Amino acid sequence: MTNAPDQTDSLELAQLVARILDEKKGEEILILPVGDVVGITEYFVVATASNPRLAGALNDAVLGDVRELTGRGPLRSEGHREKSWILVDYGDVVVHIFVEESRRFYEIERLYKDIVPVSW
């Protein structure tokens, strides 16, 4: 369990990412507090892009804006070539950007159906 200041910082980052995704036309954006279930991160931010090009643009916006506004870069990032499911790992916050078809296939919300999303 992390202490309250770290959780606040993590939540603020997750909410920032959600707003960035929303501003750039991401859809179905959720923040899932998965810390008690997953144990290696505090929050998942999940978003849908209508096409691979938009998925790439959302990824670029998150990477650029988070670095500019917080000075943070990801620990790792995957899927930016295929642009079907892009994962950006900030450690305490993991961002999942799906194209519509991939989001329906993987059904990440179903895996965490007992977790209530937090507002952003």
Protein backbone atom coordinates (compact mmCIF):
# COMPACT_ATOMS: atom_id res chain seq x y z
CA MET A 1 0.00 0.00 0.00
CA THR A 2 1.33 3.43 -0.93
CA ASN A 3 1.02 6.50 1.21
CA ALA A 4 -1.57 9.19 0.54
CA PRO A 5 0.71 11.77 -1.15
CA ASP A 6 1.86 9.18 -3.71
CA GLN A 7 -1.73 8.13 -4.39
CA THR A 8 -2.70 11.77 -4.87
CA ASP A 9 0.18 12.30 -7.28
CA SER A 10 -0.75 9.13 -9.15
CA LEU A 11 -4.40 10.14 -9.35
CA GLU A 12 -3.46 13.60 -10.57
CA LEU A 13 -1.33 12.04 -13.32
CA ALA A 14 -4.15 9.67 -14.30
CA GLN A 15 -6.62 12.57 -14.44
CA LEU A 16 -4.18 14.65 -16.49
CA VAL A 17 -3.77 11.79 -18.97
CA ALA A 18 -7.56 11.39 -19.21
CA ARG A 19 -7.97 15.09 -19.98
CA ILE A 20 -5.24 14.96 -22.63
CA LEU A 21 -6.91 11.96 -24.27
CA ASP A 22 -10.27 13.72 -24.18
CA GLU A 23 -8.90 16.92 -25.72
CA LYS A 24 -7.41 14.91 -28.58
CA LYS A 25 -10.66 13.05 -29.35
CA GLY A 26 -10.11 9.87 -27.38
CA GLU A 27 -13.37 8.11 -26.50
CA GLU A 28 -14.72 5.86 -23.71
CA ILE A 29 -12.04 7.13 -21.31
CA LEU A 30 -11.87 5.39 -17.94
CA ILE A 31 -9.60 5.66 -14.94
CA LEU A 32 -9.55 2.35 -13.07
CA PRO A 33 -7.96 2.28 -9.59
CA VAL A 34 -6.31 -1.13 -9.90
CA GLY A 35 -3.67 -0.79 -7.17
CA ASP A 36 -5.32 -3.20 -4.75
CA VAL A 37 -5.84 -5.82 -7.48
CA VAL A 38 -2.76 -5.55 -9.68
CA GLY A 39 -0.18 -4.51 -7.11
CA ILE A 40 2.36 -3.10 -9.60
CA THR A 41 0.56 0.09 -10.55
CA GLU A 42 -2.07 2.34 -9.02
CA TYR A 43 -4.22 3.30 -12.03
CA PHE A 44 -5.08 2.20 -15.53
CA VAL A 45 -6.23 4.91 -17.91
CA VAL A 46 -8.11 3.30 -20.79
CA ALA A 47 -9.21 5.04 -23.98
CA THR A 48 -10.48 4.19 -27.44
CA ALA A 49 -9.29 5.67 -30.72
CA SER A 50 -11.52 5.43 -33.77
CA ASN A 51 -8.59 4.40 -35.99
CA PRO A 52 -4.85 3.57 -35.83
CA ARG A 53 -3.83 7.06 -36.92
CA LEU A 54 -5.73 8.61 -34.02
CA ALA A 55 -4.25 6.01 -31.65
CA GLY A 56 -0.79 7.21 -32.68
CA ALA A 57 -1.79 10.84 -32.24
CA LEU A 58 -3.21 10.13 -28.77
CA ASN A 59 0.01 8.37 -27.80
CA ASP A 60 2.11 11.29 -29.04
CA ALA A 61 -0.09 13.79 -27.17
CA VAL A 62 0.17 11.85 -23.90
CA LEU A 63 3.94 11.45 -24.16
CA GLY A 64 4.52 15.08 -25.13
CA ASP A 65 2.06 16.78 -22.80
CA VAL A 66 2.90 14.69 -19.73
CA ARG A 67 6.60 15.37 -20.24
CA GLU A 68 5.96 19.09 -20.77
CA LEU A 69 3.59 19.50 -17.82
CA THR A 70 5.18 17.15 -15.28
CA GLY A 71 8.69 16.42 -16.52
CA ARG A 72 7.89 12.71 -16.45
CA GLY A 73 8.64 10.24 -19.19
CA PRO A 74 7.37 6.68 -19.38
CA LEU A 75 9.29 3.72 -18.01
CA ARG A 76 8.35 1.91 -21.21
CA SER A 77 5.98 2.12 -24.13
CA GLU A 78 4.73 -0.59 -26.50
CA GLY A 79 2.51 -0.99 -29.52
CA HIS A 80 3.16 2.35 -31.17
CA ARG A 81 4.15 0.66 -34.45
CA GLU A 82 1.02 -1.47 -34.75
CA LYS A 83 -1.25 1.20 -33.22
CA SER A 84 -3.88 -1.37 -32.27
CA TRP A 85 -3.19 -1.39 -28.51
CA ILE A 86 -0.66 1.12 -27.25
CA LEU A 87 0.58 0.80 -23.68
CA VAL A 88 2.42 3.64 -21.93
CA ASP A 89 3.79 2.71 -18.50
CA TYR A 90 4.56 5.51 -16.05
CA GLY A 91 4.97 3.06 -13.18
CA ASP A 92 2.12 4.29 -11.02
CA VAL A 93 -0.15 4.92 -14.02
CA VAL A 94 -0.45 2.67 -17.07
CA VAL A 95 -2.17 4.10 -20.14
CA HIS A 96 -3.96 1.77 -22.57
CA ILE A 97 -4.97 3.24 -25.94
CA PHE A 98 -7.02 0.84 -28.04
CA VAL A 99 -8.47 1.08 -31.50
CA GLU A 100 -12.16 0.17 -31.31
CA GLU A 101 -11.82 -3.41 -32.55
CA SER A 102 -9.02 -4.22 -30.09
CA ARG A 103 -10.88 -2.71 -27.16
CA ARG A 104 -13.90 -4.89 -27.93
CA PHE A 105 -11.69 -7.97 -28.32
CA TYR A 106 -9.67 -7.57 -25.10
CA GLU A 107 -12.56 -6.24 -22.98
CA ILE A 108 -10.28 -4.80 -20.31
CA GLU A 109 -13.30 -3.45 -18.41
CA ARG A 110 -14.66 -6.98 -18.07
CA LEU A 111 -11.41 -8.12 -16.45
CA TYR A 112 -11.80 -5.39 -13.83
CA LYS A 113 -15.59 -5.30 -13.66
CA ASP A 114 -15.64 -5.05 -9.85
CA ILE A 115 -13.54 -1.87 -9.87
CA VAL A 116 -15.44 1.41 -9.86
CA PRO A 117 -13.86 3.97 -12.22
CA VAL A 118 -12.84 7.29 -10.71
CA SER A 119 -13.98 10.57 -12.19
CA TRP A 120 -11.62 12.84 -14.03
